[in-house]
N, C-alpha and C. Protein backbone atom coordinates (compact mmCIF):
# COMPACT_ATOMS: atom_id res chain seq x y z
N MET A 1 144.21 42.41 89.50
CA MET A 1 143.26 42.93 90.76
C MET A 1 141.87 42.21 90.59
N ALA A 2 141.92 41.60 91.98
CA ALA A 2 140.33 40.92 92.08
C ALA A 2 138.92 41.72 91.97
N SER A 3 137.63 41.56 91.15
CA SER A 3 136.62 42.13 91.35
C SER A 3 135.67 41.78 92.25
N VAL A 4 134.91 42.54 92.84
CA VAL A 4 134.21 42.45 93.98
C VAL A 4 132.85 42.21 93.33
N MET A 5 132.29 41.42 93.15
CA MET A 5 130.66 41.58 93.14
C MET A 5 129.75 42.16 93.69
N SER A 6 128.76 42.45 93.15
CA SER A 6 127.63 43.76 93.72
C SER A 6 126.53 42.85 93.51
N PHE A 7 125.79 43.21 94.86
CA PHE A 7 124.50 42.71 95.37
C PHE A 7 123.45 43.86 94.99
N LYS A 8 122.01 43.44 94.81
CA LYS A 8 121.15 44.60 95.07
C LYS A 8 120.43 44.06 96.48
N TYR A 9 120.68 43.14 97.02
CA TYR A 9 120.49 42.53 98.35
C TYR A 9 121.48 41.66 98.99
N ALA A 10 121.10 41.87 100.57
CA ALA A 10 122.38 41.19 101.38
C ALA A 10 121.55 39.38 101.66
N LYS A 11 122.41 38.79 101.76
CA LYS A 11 122.65 36.99 101.79
C LYS A 11 123.13 36.75 102.97
N ALA A 12 122.53 36.10 103.88
CA ALA A 12 122.72 34.98 104.94
C ALA A 12 123.78 34.18 103.78
N ILE A 13 125.01 33.61 104.70
CA ILE A 13 126.03 32.66 103.91
C ILE A 13 126.35 32.02 105.00
N ASP A 14 126.89 30.97 104.26
CA ASP A 14 127.72 29.89 105.29
C ASP A 14 126.63 29.37 106.69
N ILE A 15 125.39 29.53 106.41
CA ILE A 15 124.65 29.25 107.72
C ILE A 15 124.45 27.86 108.18
N GLU A 16 124.61 27.28 109.27
CA GLU A 16 124.40 26.28 110.17
C GLU A 16 123.46 26.80 110.89
N TRP A 17 122.69 25.36 110.80
CA TRP A 17 121.58 24.90 111.50
C TRP A 17 121.52 23.95 112.46
N GLU A 18 120.78 24.21 113.73
CA GLU A 18 120.69 23.65 114.40
C GLU A 18 119.44 22.29 114.55
N THR A 19 120.12 20.88 114.00
CA THR A 19 118.88 20.00 113.16
C THR A 19 118.45 18.97 114.38
N ASP A 20 119.01 19.20 115.71
CA ASP A 20 118.76 17.75 116.58
C ASP A 20 119.31 16.52 116.51
N GLY A 21 120.81 16.22 115.26
CA GLY A 21 120.78 15.58 114.83
C GLY A 21 120.45 14.87 113.32
N GLU A 22 118.78 15.52 113.23
CA GLU A 22 117.93 14.90 112.03
C GLU A 22 118.83 15.12 110.66
N ASP A 23 118.46 14.68 109.86
CA ASP A 23 119.46 14.73 108.74
C ASP A 23 118.05 15.44 107.71
N VAL A 24 118.57 16.84 107.70
CA VAL A 24 117.82 17.35 107.27
C VAL A 24 118.45 18.36 105.41
N ASN A 25 117.58 18.60 104.69
CA ASN A 25 118.39 19.40 103.85
C ASN A 25 117.99 21.11 103.42
N LEU A 26 118.70 21.68 104.05
CA LEU A 26 118.67 22.89 104.47
C LEU A 26 119.55 23.82 103.32
N PRO A 27 119.54 25.05 102.82
CA PRO A 27 120.23 26.00 102.40
C PRO A 27 121.64 26.37 103.14
N THR A 28 122.63 26.44 102.73
CA THR A 28 123.51 27.54 103.49
C THR A 28 123.57 28.61 102.96
N GLU A 29 123.08 29.05 102.13
CA GLU A 29 123.07 30.64 101.59
C GLU A 29 121.54 31.19 101.01
N VAL A 30 120.95 32.26 101.82
CA VAL A 30 119.53 32.47 101.61
C VAL A 30 119.71 34.11 101.45
N LYS A 31 118.42 34.43 100.12
CA LYS A 31 119.12 35.96 100.21
C LYS A 31 118.10 36.07 101.18
N LEU A 32 118.34 38.02 101.74
CA LEU A 32 117.44 38.09 102.31
C LEU A 32 116.45 39.25 101.93
N PRO A 33 115.55 39.14 102.26
CA PRO A 33 114.06 40.13 102.05
C PRO A 33 114.49 41.72 102.20
N PRO A 34 114.38 42.51 101.20
CA PRO A 34 114.68 44.33 101.78
C PRO A 34 114.03 44.70 103.02
N GLU A 35 113.20 44.14 103.43
CA GLU A 35 112.26 44.61 105.05
C GLU A 35 113.45 44.10 105.94
N ILE A 36 114.22 43.27 105.88
CA ILE A 36 114.99 43.08 106.79
C ILE A 36 116.29 43.63 107.21
N ASP A 37 116.62 44.22 108.12
CA ASP A 37 117.73 45.19 108.65
C ASP A 37 118.94 43.87 108.42
N GLU A 38 119.91 44.07 107.71
CA GLU A 38 121.10 43.22 107.30
C GLU A 38 122.59 43.07 108.91
N THR A 39 122.00 44.09 109.31
CA THR A 39 122.78 44.88 110.53
C THR A 39 122.01 43.91 111.64
N ASP A 40 121.15 43.31 111.51
CA ASP A 40 120.41 42.96 113.08
C ASP A 40 120.60 41.33 112.89
N ASP A 41 121.08 40.99 114.11
CA ASP A 41 121.34 39.84 113.99
C ASP A 41 120.24 38.96 114.54
N ASP A 42 119.34 39.66 115.49
CA ASP A 42 117.63 38.98 115.81
C ASP A 42 116.86 38.56 114.54
N ALA A 43 117.11 39.86 113.61
CA ALA A 43 115.91 39.67 112.84
C ALA A 43 116.46 39.10 111.89
N ILE A 44 117.59 38.66 111.71
CA ILE A 44 118.19 37.98 110.38
C ILE A 44 117.66 36.06 110.71
N CYS A 45 118.48 35.62 112.25
CA CYS A 45 117.98 34.39 112.90
C CYS A 45 116.67 34.58 112.81
N ASP A 46 115.62 35.29 113.54
CA ASP A 46 114.63 35.16 113.51
C ASP A 46 113.26 34.82 111.91
N TYR A 47 113.87 35.17 111.22
CA TYR A 47 113.57 35.41 109.36
C TYR A 47 113.55 33.98 109.21
N LEU A 48 115.35 33.55 108.96
CA LEU A 48 115.77 32.41 108.77
C LEU A 48 114.91 30.85 109.34
N SER A 49 114.67 30.93 110.55
CA SER A 49 114.05 29.92 111.31
C SER A 49 112.41 30.23 111.19
N ASP A 50 111.94 31.32 110.86
CA ASP A 50 110.46 31.45 110.46
C ASP A 50 110.25 30.75 109.43
N GLU A 51 111.26 31.33 108.38
CA GLU A 51 111.04 30.81 106.91
C GLU A 51 111.59 28.95 106.49
N TYR A 52 112.54 28.61 107.74
CA TYR A 52 112.94 27.31 107.45
C TYR A 52 112.56 26.17 108.49
N GLY A 53 112.18 26.76 109.49
CA GLY A 53 111.56 26.04 111.14
C GLY A 53 112.51 25.23 111.50
N TRP A 54 113.52 26.05 111.41
CA TRP A 54 115.39 25.39 112.24
C TRP A 54 115.83 27.02 112.65
N LEU A 55 116.53 26.37 113.93
CA LEU A 55 117.43 26.96 114.65
C LEU A 55 118.42 27.64 113.62
N VAL A 56 119.02 28.90 113.97
CA VAL A 56 120.22 28.74 113.10
C VAL A 56 121.45 28.84 114.40
N ILE A 57 122.78 28.49 113.78
CA ILE A 57 123.63 28.40 114.77
C ILE A 57 124.87 29.31 114.73
N ALA A 58 125.02 29.73 113.39
CA ALA A 58 125.60 30.34 112.78
C ALA A 58 125.62 31.06 111.75
N TYR A 59 125.93 32.25 111.20
CA TYR A 59 126.02 32.99 109.34
C TYR A 59 126.84 33.91 109.24
N LYS A 60 127.42 34.27 108.26
CA LYS A 60 127.68 35.50 107.82
C LYS A 60 126.43 36.23 106.97
N VAL A 61 127.23 37.55 106.99
CA VAL A 61 126.05 38.02 106.25
C VAL A 61 126.79 38.68 104.73
N GLN A 62 126.84 38.49 103.10
CA GLN A 62 126.94 39.04 102.52
C GLN A 62 126.52 40.56 101.85
N MET A 63 127.14 41.91 102.12
CA MET A 63 126.35 42.35 101.98
C MET A 63 126.37 42.93 100.59
N PRO A 64 125.12 44.19 100.18
CA PRO A 64 124.94 44.46 98.46
C PRO A 64 126.15 44.56 98.18
N ASN A 65 126.72 45.21 98.78
CA ASN A 65 128.65 45.92 98.27
C ASN A 65 129.31 44.44 98.02
N GLY A 66 129.33 43.29 98.54
CA GLY A 66 130.27 41.80 98.68
C GLY A 66 131.07 41.74 99.93
N GLU A 67 130.76 43.08 100.75
CA GLU A 67 131.56 42.79 101.68
C GLU A 67 130.60 41.57 102.91
N ILE A 68 131.56 41.05 103.83
CA ILE A 68 131.09 39.88 104.03
C ILE A 68 131.37 40.33 105.87
N ARG A 69 130.44 40.47 106.74
CA ARG A 69 130.06 40.50 108.08
C ARG A 69 130.33 39.57 108.93
């Protein structure tokens, strides 16, 4: 039986950034602060873009219970 990891926070994972072809070292996984609603795609994209200065093309969210959406 596989174990499911449980977290106290949601994470944006498998993040793909729009870098306009520039060679930039950006994270592919970011812990989301508690004030960000992990079901609000606009809020997550805004947070990531504001935090790192680049637009987000795609990402997944790993919920605190380990579920990925």
